[in-house]
C-alpha cells in the first residue's frame, strides 16, 4: 500500500468528513427533530467559516506574496506574448513580401510599352514611306505638348 499523499487522497479526507457530518446531522434530525438539527448545522457552518477566516488572517502575508507572484507571472507572460505576436506579424509580413515578389516580379513598364508600340510604329512606317510627313507630324505633336505645358504653368501660377 502506497503511503504517499496524492492529490486524490488529499481530496478524500474532506469528502469523508463532510459525508460523516451529513449522516450525523440526518441522524440528529431523525432522533431530536429538525429544529435542533438545523441549530447544530448552523453552529457547525458558523464555526467552519470562522475557522477559514482565521486561517486567511494568519496566512495573509503568504497569500498576498503568492498572489503578487502570480500577478508578476501573468504580466510577464502577457508581455512575452505581445512580443512574440509582434515578431510573428513581422515575420509573416516579410514572408508575404518575399512570396509576392517571387510570384509577381516587378516588370519594367517602359520595356513593355516599347514592345507594344514598336510593331504598331513599324506598320505605320511601312505604310507611309515619306519620312518628311512623319517629321512634320512629330513636330506638331511636340508643339502642342509645349503649348499645353505652358498653359498649365500659367494656370498654376
N, C-alpha and C. Protein backbone atom coordinates (compact mmCIF):
# COMPACT_ATOMS: atom_id res chain seq x y z
N UNK A 1 0.84 -1.19 0.00
CA UNK A 1 0.00 0.00 0.00
C UNK A 1 0.88 1.24 0.00
N UNK A 2 0.53 2.17 -0.85
CA UNK A 2 1.29 3.40 -1.00
C UNK A 2 0.86 4.39 0.07
N UNK A 3 1.81 4.83 0.91
CA UNK A 3 1.50 5.75 1.99
C UNK A 3 1.71 7.21 1.59
N UNK A 4 2.05 7.44 0.34
CA UNK A 4 2.28 8.79 -0.16
C UNK A 4 0.98 9.58 -0.22
N UNK A 5 1.07 10.89 0.04
CA UNK A 5 -0.11 11.75 -0.08
C UNK A 5 -0.25 12.18 -1.54
N UNK A 6 -1.23 11.63 -2.19
CA UNK A 6 -1.52 12.01 -3.57
C UNK A 6 -2.68 13.01 -3.55
N UNK A 7 -2.85 13.77 -4.61
CA UNK A 7 -3.97 14.73 -4.63
C UNK A 7 -5.33 14.05 -4.46
N UNK A 8 -5.49 12.87 -5.01
CA UNK A 8 -6.76 12.16 -4.86
C UNK A 8 -7.00 11.80 -3.40
N UNK A 9 -5.94 11.39 -2.72
CA UNK A 9 -6.06 11.02 -1.32
C UNK A 9 -6.33 12.24 -0.45
N UNK A 10 -5.71 13.37 -0.79
CA UNK A 10 -5.93 14.59 -0.03
C UNK A 10 -7.37 15.09 -0.20
N UNK A 11 -7.97 14.85 -1.34
CA UNK A 11 -9.36 15.25 -1.55
C UNK A 11 -10.35 14.31 -0.86
N UNK A 12 -9.93 13.12 -0.61
CA UNK A 12 -10.84 12.15 0.01
C UNK A 12 -11.13 12.49 1.48
N UNK A 13 -10.18 13.10 2.17
CA UNK A 13 -10.38 13.40 3.60
C UNK A 13 -11.53 14.39 3.80
N UNK A 14 -11.57 15.55 3.12
CA UNK A 14 -12.71 16.45 3.35
C UNK A 14 -14.04 15.83 2.90
N UNK A 15 -14.00 15.06 1.81
CA UNK A 15 -15.24 14.43 1.35
C UNK A 15 -15.75 13.45 2.39
N UNK A 16 -14.85 12.69 2.98
CA UNK A 16 -15.24 11.73 4.01
C UNK A 16 -15.79 12.45 5.25
N UNK A 17 -15.14 13.53 5.67
CA UNK A 17 -15.60 14.28 6.84
C UNK A 17 -16.97 14.90 6.59
N UNK A 18 -17.17 15.49 5.40
CA UNK A 18 -18.47 16.08 5.10
C UNK A 18 -19.56 15.02 4.99
N UNK A 19 -19.24 13.88 4.46
CA UNK A 19 -20.23 12.80 4.37
C UNK A 19 -20.63 12.31 5.77
N UNK A 20 -19.66 12.11 6.63
CA UNK A 20 -19.97 11.70 8.01
C UNK A 20 -20.79 12.78 8.72
N UNK A 21 -20.45 14.04 8.51
CA UNK A 21 -21.20 15.14 9.13
C UNK A 21 -22.65 15.13 8.64
N UNK A 22 -22.87 14.93 7.36
CA UNK A 22 -24.23 14.89 6.83
C UNK A 22 -25.01 13.72 7.43
N UNK A 23 -24.37 12.59 7.59
CA UNK A 23 -25.05 11.44 8.22
C UNK A 23 -25.40 11.72 9.68
N UNK A 24 -24.48 12.37 10.40
CA UNK A 24 -24.74 12.69 11.81
C UNK A 24 -25.90 13.67 11.93
N UNK A 25 -25.90 14.73 11.07
CA UNK A 25 -26.99 15.71 11.11
C UNK A 25 -28.32 15.04 10.76
N UNK A 26 -28.32 14.14 9.78
CA UNK A 26 -29.55 13.43 9.41
C UNK A 26 -30.04 12.56 10.57
N UNK A 27 -29.10 11.92 11.27
CA UNK A 27 -29.48 11.11 12.44
C UNK A 27 -30.04 11.97 13.56
N UNK A 28 -29.43 13.14 13.80
CA UNK A 28 -29.94 14.05 14.83
C UNK A 28 -31.32 14.57 14.47
N UNK A 29 -31.52 14.87 13.18
CA UNK A 29 -32.83 15.35 12.75
C UNK A 29 -33.88 14.27 12.94
N UNK A 30 -33.52 13.02 12.72
CA UNK A 30 -34.47 11.92 12.89
C UNK A 30 -34.75 11.68 14.37
N UNK A 31 -33.71 11.79 15.22
CA UNK A 31 -33.85 11.48 16.65
C UNK A 31 -34.43 12.65 17.44
N UNK A 32 -33.87 13.90 17.22
CA UNK A 32 -34.28 15.04 18.04
C UNK A 32 -35.33 15.93 17.36
N UNK A 33 -35.39 15.86 16.04
CA UNK A 33 -36.31 16.72 15.30
C UNK A 33 -35.52 17.66 14.40
N UNK A 34 -36.21 18.31 13.49
CA UNK A 34 -35.49 19.14 12.51
C UNK A 34 -34.92 20.44 13.10
N UNK A 35 -35.60 21.05 14.09
CA UNK A 35 -35.13 22.32 14.62
C UNK A 35 -33.80 22.20 15.36
N UNK A 36 -33.60 21.26 16.27
CA UNK A 36 -32.28 21.13 16.91
C UNK A 36 -31.19 20.74 15.90
N UNK A 37 -31.53 19.94 14.89
CA UNK A 37 -30.54 19.56 13.87
C UNK A 37 -30.15 20.79 13.04
N UNK A 38 -31.10 21.66 12.73
CA UNK A 38 -30.80 22.88 11.99
C UNK A 38 -29.92 23.81 12.81
N UNK A 39 -30.20 23.90 14.13
CA UNK A 39 -29.36 24.72 15.01
C UNK A 39 -27.93 24.19 15.05
N UNK A 40 -27.78 22.91 15.16
CA UNK A 40 -26.43 22.30 15.18
C UNK A 40 -25.72 22.54 13.84
N UNK A 41 -26.45 22.38 12.74
CA UNK A 41 -25.87 22.62 11.41
C UNK A 41 -25.44 24.08 11.25
N UNK A 42 -26.25 25.02 11.76
CA UNK A 42 -25.91 26.44 11.70
C UNK A 42 -24.65 26.72 12.51
N UNK A 43 -24.57 26.13 13.69
CA UNK A 43 -23.38 26.31 14.54
C UNK A 43 -22.14 25.74 13.84
N UNK A 44 -22.26 24.55 13.23
CA UNK A 44 -21.13 23.96 12.51
C UNK A 44 -20.66 24.84 11.36
N UNK A 45 -21.61 25.35 10.58
CA UNK A 45 -21.25 26.20 9.44
C UNK A 45 -20.59 27.48 9.95
N UNK A 46 -21.10 28.06 11.03
CA UNK A 46 -20.51 29.27 11.60
C UNK A 46 -19.10 29.01 12.09
N UNK A 47 -18.87 27.89 12.75
CA UNK A 47 -17.53 27.55 13.23
C UNK A 47 -16.56 27.32 12.07
N UNK A 48 -17.02 26.64 11.04
CA UNK A 48 -16.15 26.37 9.88
C UNK A 48 -15.78 27.66 9.17
N UNK A 49 -16.76 28.56 8.95
CA UNK A 49 -16.48 29.84 8.31
C UNK A 49 -15.54 30.70 9.16
N UNK A 50 -15.75 30.70 10.46
CA UNK A 50 -14.85 31.44 11.36
C UNK A 50 -13.43 30.88 11.30
N UNK A 51 -13.32 29.56 11.29
CA UNK A 51 -12.02 28.92 11.20
C UNK A 51 -11.31 29.29 9.88
N UNK A 52 -12.06 29.31 8.78
CA UNK A 52 -11.49 29.68 7.48
C UNK A 52 -11.03 31.14 7.51
N UNK A 53 -11.82 32.02 8.13
CA UNK A 53 -11.43 33.43 8.22
C UNK A 53 -10.16 33.59 9.04
N UNK A 54 -10.01 32.86 10.14
CA UNK A 54 -8.80 32.93 10.94
C UNK A 54 -7.59 32.41 10.16
N UNK A 55 -7.79 31.38 9.39
CA UNK A 55 -6.69 30.87 8.56
C UNK A 55 -6.26 31.92 7.54
N UNK A 56 -7.23 32.61 6.94
CA UNK A 56 -6.91 33.67 5.98
C UNK A 56 -6.15 34.80 6.67
N UNK A 57 -6.56 35.19 7.87
CA UNK A 57 -5.88 36.26 8.60
C UNK A 57 -4.47 35.84 8.97
N UNK A 58 -4.31 34.61 9.45
CA UNK A 58 -2.98 34.14 9.87
C UNK A 58 -2.02 34.06 8.69
N UNK A 59 -2.49 33.55 7.56
CA UNK A 59 -1.62 33.36 6.39
C UNK A 59 -1.78 34.47 5.35
N UNK A 60 -2.23 35.65 5.80
CA UNK A 60 -2.46 36.76 4.88
C UNK A 60 -1.19 37.15 4.13
N UNK A 61 -0.08 37.26 4.83
CA UNK A 61 1.16 37.68 4.21
C UNK A 61 1.59 36.68 3.13
N UNK A 62 1.49 35.42 3.43
CA UNK A 62 1.86 34.38 2.46
C UNK A 62 0.91 34.40 1.26
N UNK A 63 -0.36 34.59 1.53
CA UNK A 63 -1.35 34.64 0.44
C UNK A 63 -1.09 35.83 -0.46
N UNK A 64 -0.81 37.00 0.14
CA UNK A 64 -0.55 38.20 -0.66
C UNK A 64 0.72 38.03 -1.49
N UNK A 65 1.77 37.44 -0.90
CA UNK A 65 3.00 37.20 -1.65
C UNK A 65 2.76 36.25 -2.83
N UNK A 66 2.01 35.19 -2.57
CA UNK A 66 1.71 34.24 -3.66
C UNK A 66 0.89 34.90 -4.76
N UNK A 67 -0.09 35.72 -4.37
CA UNK A 67 -0.90 36.41 -5.37
C UNK A 67 -0.09 37.43 -6.16
N UNK A 68 0.82 38.14 -5.50
CA UNK A 68 1.65 39.10 -6.24
C UNK A 68 2.63 38.37 -7.16
N UNK A 69 3.15 37.21 -6.72
CA UNK A 69 4.00 36.41 -7.61
C UNK A 69 3.22 35.94 -8.84
N UNK A 70 1.99 35.52 -8.62
CA UNK A 70 1.15 35.10 -9.74
C UNK A 70 0.84 36.26 -10.67
N UNK A 71 0.63 37.46 -10.09
CA UNK A 71 0.37 38.64 -10.92
C UNK A 71 1.59 38.97 -11.77
N UNK A 72 2.77 38.92 -11.16
CA UNK A 72 4.00 39.18 -11.93
C UNK A 72 4.20 38.15 -13.04
N UNK A 73 3.89 36.92 -12.74
CA UNK A 73 4.00 35.86 -13.74
C UNK A 73 3.02 36.11 -14.89
N UNK A 74 1.80 36.52 -14.55
CA UNK A 74 0.81 36.81 -15.59
C UNK A 74 1.23 38.01 -16.43
N UNK A 75 1.76 39.05 -15.79
CA UNK A 75 2.21 40.23 -16.54
C UNK A 75 3.38 39.90 -17.45
N UNK A 76 4.33 39.13 -16.96
CA UNK A 76 5.47 38.77 -17.82
C UNK A 76 5.01 37.86 -18.96
N UNK A 77 4.06 37.00 -18.70
CA UNK A 77 3.51 36.16 -19.77
C UNK A 77 2.79 36.99 -20.81
N UNK A 78 2.05 37.99 -20.36
CA UNK A 78 1.37 38.88 -21.30
C UNK A 78 2.36 39.65 -22.16
N UNK A 79 3.40 40.20 -21.51
CA UNK A 79 4.41 40.96 -22.24
C UNK A 79 5.14 40.08 -23.25
N UNK A 80 5.47 38.87 -22.84
CA UNK A 80 6.16 37.95 -23.75
C UNK A 80 5.25 37.56 -24.91
N UNK A 81 3.97 37.37 -24.63
CA UNK A 81 3.02 37.03 -25.70
C UNK A 81 2.89 38.19 -26.69
N UNK A 82 2.84 39.43 -26.20
CA UNK A 82 2.76 40.58 -27.09
C UNK A 82 4.01 40.68 -27.96
N UNK A 83 5.18 40.45 -27.35
CA UNK A 83 6.43 40.49 -28.11
C UNK A 83 6.45 39.41 -29.18
N UNK A 84 6.04 38.22 -28.81
CA UNK A 84 6.03 37.12 -29.77
C UNK A 84 5.01 37.38 -30.89
N UNK A 85 3.88 38.00 -30.56
CA UNK A 85 2.91 38.35 -31.59
C UNK A 85 3.48 39.38 -32.56
N UNK A 86 4.18 40.38 -32.03
CA UNK A 86 4.80 41.37 -32.92
C UNK A 86 5.84 40.73 -33.83
N UNK A 87 6.67 39.85 -33.25
CA UNK A 87 7.68 39.17 -34.06
C UNK A 87 7.02 38.27 -35.10
N UNK A 88 5.96 37.61 -34.71
CA UNK A 88 5.24 36.76 -35.66
C UNK A 88 4.64 37.55 -36.79
N UNK A 89 4.03 38.69 -36.46
CA UNK A 89 3.46 39.54 -37.51
C UNK A 89 4.55 40.05 -38.46
N UNK A 90 5.69 40.44 -37.89
CA UNK A 90 6.78 40.94 -38.72
C UNK A 90 7.31 39.85 -39.65
N UNK A 91 7.45 38.64 -39.12
CA UNK A 91 7.95 37.55 -39.98
C UNK A 91 6.91 37.17 -41.03
N UNK A 92 5.62 37.21 -40.67
CA UNK A 92 4.59 36.94 -41.67
C UNK A 92 4.58 38.00 -42.76
N UNK A 93 4.77 39.27 -42.37
CA UNK A 93 4.81 40.35 -43.36
C UNK A 93 6.00 40.16 -44.29
N UNK A 94 7.15 39.82 -43.72
CA UNK A 94 8.36 39.59 -44.52
C UNK A 94 8.15 38.42 -45.47
N UNK A 95 7.56 37.35 -44.97
CA UNK A 95 7.29 36.18 -45.80
C UNK A 95 6.33 36.53 -46.92
N UNK A 96 5.29 37.33 -46.60
CA UNK A 96 4.33 37.74 -47.62
C UNK A 96 5.00 38.58 -48.70
N UNK A 97 5.89 39.48 -48.28
CA UNK A 97 6.60 40.31 -49.25
C UNK A 97 7.47 39.46 -50.17
N UNK A 98 8.17 38.47 -49.59
CA UNK A 98 9.02 37.60 -50.41
C UNK A 98 8.18 36.76 -51.36
N UNK A 99 7.03 36.26 -50.89
CA UNK A 99 6.17 35.47 -51.76
C UNK A 99 5.60 36.31 -52.90
N UNK A 100 5.16 37.53 -52.58
CA UNK A 100 4.61 38.40 -53.62
C UNK A 100 5.66 38.78 -54.65
N UNK A 101 6.89 39.02 -54.19
CA UNK A 101 7.94 39.39 -55.15
C UNK A 101 8.33 38.19 -56.01
N UNK A 102 8.21 36.98 -55.47
CA UNK A 102 8.56 35.81 -56.29
C UNK A 102 7.41 35.42 -57.21
N UNK A 103 6.18 35.64 -56.78
CA UNK A 103 5.04 35.29 -57.62
C UNK A 103 4.74 36.37 -58.66
N UNK A 104 4.90 37.62 -58.30
CA UNK A 104 4.62 38.74 -59.19
C UNK A 104 5.86 39.62 -59.28
N UNK A 105 6.86 39.25 -60.07
CA UNK A 105 8.06 40.07 -60.14
C UNK A 105 7.75 41.42 -60.79
N UNK A 106 8.48 42.42 -60.35
CA UNK A 106 8.29 43.77 -60.88
C UNK A 106 8.69 43.79 -62.36
N UNK A 107 7.79 44.27 -63.19
CA UNK A 107 8.06 44.35 -64.61
C UNK A 107 8.45 45.77 -64.97
N UNK A 108 9.33 45.89 -65.93
CA UNK A 108 9.72 47.21 -66.40
C UNK A 108 8.65 47.68 -67.38
N UNK A 109 7.89 48.70 -66.98
CA UNK A 109 6.76 49.17 -67.78
C UNK A 109 7.22 49.81 -69.09
N UNK A 110 8.37 50.45 -69.06
CA UNK A 110 8.88 51.07 -70.28
C UNK A 110 9.19 50.00 -71.33
N UNK A 111 9.78 48.88 -70.89
CA UNK A 111 10.09 47.79 -71.83
C UNK A 111 8.80 47.22 -72.40
N UNK A 112 7.79 47.07 -71.56
CA UNK A 112 6.50 46.55 -72.02
C UNK A 112 5.86 47.49 -73.03
N UNK A 113 5.92 48.80 -72.74
CA UNK A 113 5.34 49.77 -73.66
C UNK A 113 6.07 49.75 -75.00
N UNK A 114 7.39 49.70 -74.97
CA UNK A 114 8.17 49.67 -76.22
C UNK A 114 7.84 48.41 -77.01
N UNK A 115 7.69 47.28 -76.31
CA UNK A 115 7.34 46.03 -77.00
C UNK A 115 6.01 46.14 -77.73
N UNK A 116 5.06 46.88 -77.13
CA UNK A 116 3.75 47.03 -77.76
C UNK A 116 3.73 48.11 -78.84
N UNK A 117 4.51 49.16 -78.69
CA UNK A 117 4.47 50.30 -79.61
C UNK A 117 5.30 50.05 -80.87
N UNK A 118 6.42 49.35 -80.74
CA UNK A 118 7.31 49.14 -81.89
C UNK A 118 6.61 48.46 -83.06
N UNK A 119 5.86 47.37 -82.88
CA UNK A 119 5.17 46.79 -84.04
C UNK A 119 4.15 47.75 -84.66
N UNK A 120 3.48 48.52 -83.80
CA UNK A 120 2.50 49.49 -84.27
C UNK A 120 3.17 50.55 -85.15
N UNK A 121 4.30 51.09 -84.67
CA UNK A 121 5.04 52.08 -85.45
C UNK A 121 5.60 51.47 -86.73
N UNK A 122 6.02 50.22 -86.63
CA UNK A 122 6.53 49.54 -87.83
C UNK A 122 5.48 49.45 -88.91
N UNK A 123 4.24 49.19 -88.54
CA UNK A 123 3.16 49.12 -89.52
C UNK A 123 2.94 50.48 -90.19
N UNK A 124 2.94 51.56 -89.37
CA UNK A 124 2.74 52.89 -89.95
C UNK A 124 3.91 53.30 -90.85
N UNK A 125 5.12 53.02 -90.45
CA UNK A 125 6.29 53.38 -91.26
C UNK A 125 6.29 52.59 -92.56
N UNK A 126 5.89 51.31 -92.48
CA UNK A 126 5.85 50.51 -93.70
C UNK A 126 4.79 51.05 -94.66
N UNK A 127 3.70 51.57 -94.14
CA UNK A 127 2.63 52.10 -94.99
C UNK A 127 3.01 53.46 -95.54
N UNK A 128 3.56 54.30 -94.70
CA UNK A 128 3.90 55.67 -95.09
C UNK A 128 5.40 55.75 -95.33
N UNK A 129 5.79 55.88 -96.55
CA UNK A 129 7.20 55.90 -96.91
C UNK A 129 7.81 57.29 -96.79
N UNK A 130 7.02 58.27 -96.70
CA UNK A 130 7.53 59.62 -96.68
C UNK A 130 7.90 59.99 -95.25
N UNK A 131 9.19 60.05 -94.91
CA UNK A 131 9.64 60.38 -93.57
C UNK A 131 9.42 61.86 -93.25
N UNK A 132 9.31 62.69 -94.28
CA UNK A 132 9.06 64.11 -94.05
C UNK A 132 7.72 64.30 -93.35
N UNK A 133 6.72 63.58 -93.80
CA UNK A 133 5.40 63.69 -93.15
C UNK A 133 5.48 63.25 -91.69
N UNK A 134 6.26 62.23 -91.43
CA UNK A 134 6.42 61.78 -90.05
C UNK A 134 7.10 62.86 -89.21
N UNK A 135 8.06 63.52 -89.76
CA UNK A 135 8.75 64.60 -89.05
C UNK A 135 7.82 65.75 -88.75
N UNK A 136 6.98 66.13 -89.72
CA UNK A 136 6.03 67.22 -89.53
C UNK A 136 5.01 66.83 -88.45
N UNK A 137 4.55 65.60 -88.52
CA UNK A 137 3.59 65.13 -87.51
C UNK A 137 4.20 65.16 -86.12
N UNK A 138 5.44 64.72 -85.98
CA UNK A 138 6.14 64.75 -84.70
C UNK A 138 6.32 66.17 -84.20
N UNK A 139 6.67 67.10 -85.13
CA UNK A 139 6.83 68.50 -84.75
C UNK A 139 5.52 69.08 -84.25
N UNK A 140 4.40 68.77 -84.88
CA UNK A 140 3.09 69.28 -84.44
C UNK A 140 2.75 68.73 -83.04
N UNK A 141 3.03 67.46 -82.83
CA UNK A 141 2.74 66.86 -81.50
C UNK A 141 3.60 67.52 -80.43
N UNK A 142 4.88 67.73 -80.70
CA UNK A 142 5.77 68.39 -79.74
C UNK A 142 5.33 69.81 -79.46
N UNK A 143 4.94 70.55 -80.53
CA UNK A 143 4.50 71.94 -80.36
C UNK A 143 3.23 71.99 -79.51
N UNK A 144 2.29 71.08 -79.75
CA UNK A 144 1.06 71.03 -78.94
C UNK A 144 1.39 70.71 -77.48
N UNK A 145 2.32 69.79 -77.23
CA UNK A 145 2.69 69.43 -75.86
C UNK A 145 3.32 70.62 -75.16
N UNK A 146 4.19 71.37 -75.85
CA UNK A 146 4.83 72.56 -75.25
C UNK A 146 3.78 73.61 -74.94
N UNK A 147 2.84 73.82 -75.86
CA UNK A 147 1.79 74.80 -75.64
C UNK A 147 0.92 74.42 -74.44
N UNK A 148 0.57 73.14 -74.33
CA UNK A 148 -0.26 72.70 -73.19
C UNK A 148 0.50 72.84 -71.88
N UNK A 149 1.79 72.56 -71.88
CA UNK A 149 2.59 72.69 -70.66
C UNK A 149 2.68 74.14 -70.22
N UNK A 150 2.84 75.06 -71.20
CA UNK A 150 2.92 76.48 -70.83
C UNK A 150 1.58 76.98 -70.30
N UNK A 151 0.48 76.49 -70.86
CA UNK A 151 -0.85 76.88 -70.36
C UNK A 151 -1.05 76.35 -68.94
N UNK A 152 -0.61 75.14 -68.68
CA UNK A 152 -0.73 74.58 -67.32
C UNK A 152 0.09 75.39 -66.34
N UNK A 153 1.28 75.84 -66.77
CA UNK A 153 2.13 76.63 -65.92
C UNK A 153 1.47 77.96 -65.59
N UNK A 154 0.80 78.57 -66.59
CA UNK A 154 0.10 79.84 -66.36
C UNK A 154 -1.06 79.66 -65.39
N UNK A 155 -1.77 78.54 -65.53
CA UNK A 155 -2.92 78.27 -64.64
C UNK A 155 -2.44 78.06 -63.20
N UNK A 156 -1.35 77.35 -63.04
CA UNK A 156 -0.83 77.05 -61.69
C UNK A 156 -0.27 78.30 -61.01
N UNK A 157 0.24 79.26 -61.79
CA UNK A 157 0.79 80.49 -61.19
C UNK A 157 -0.32 81.42 -60.92
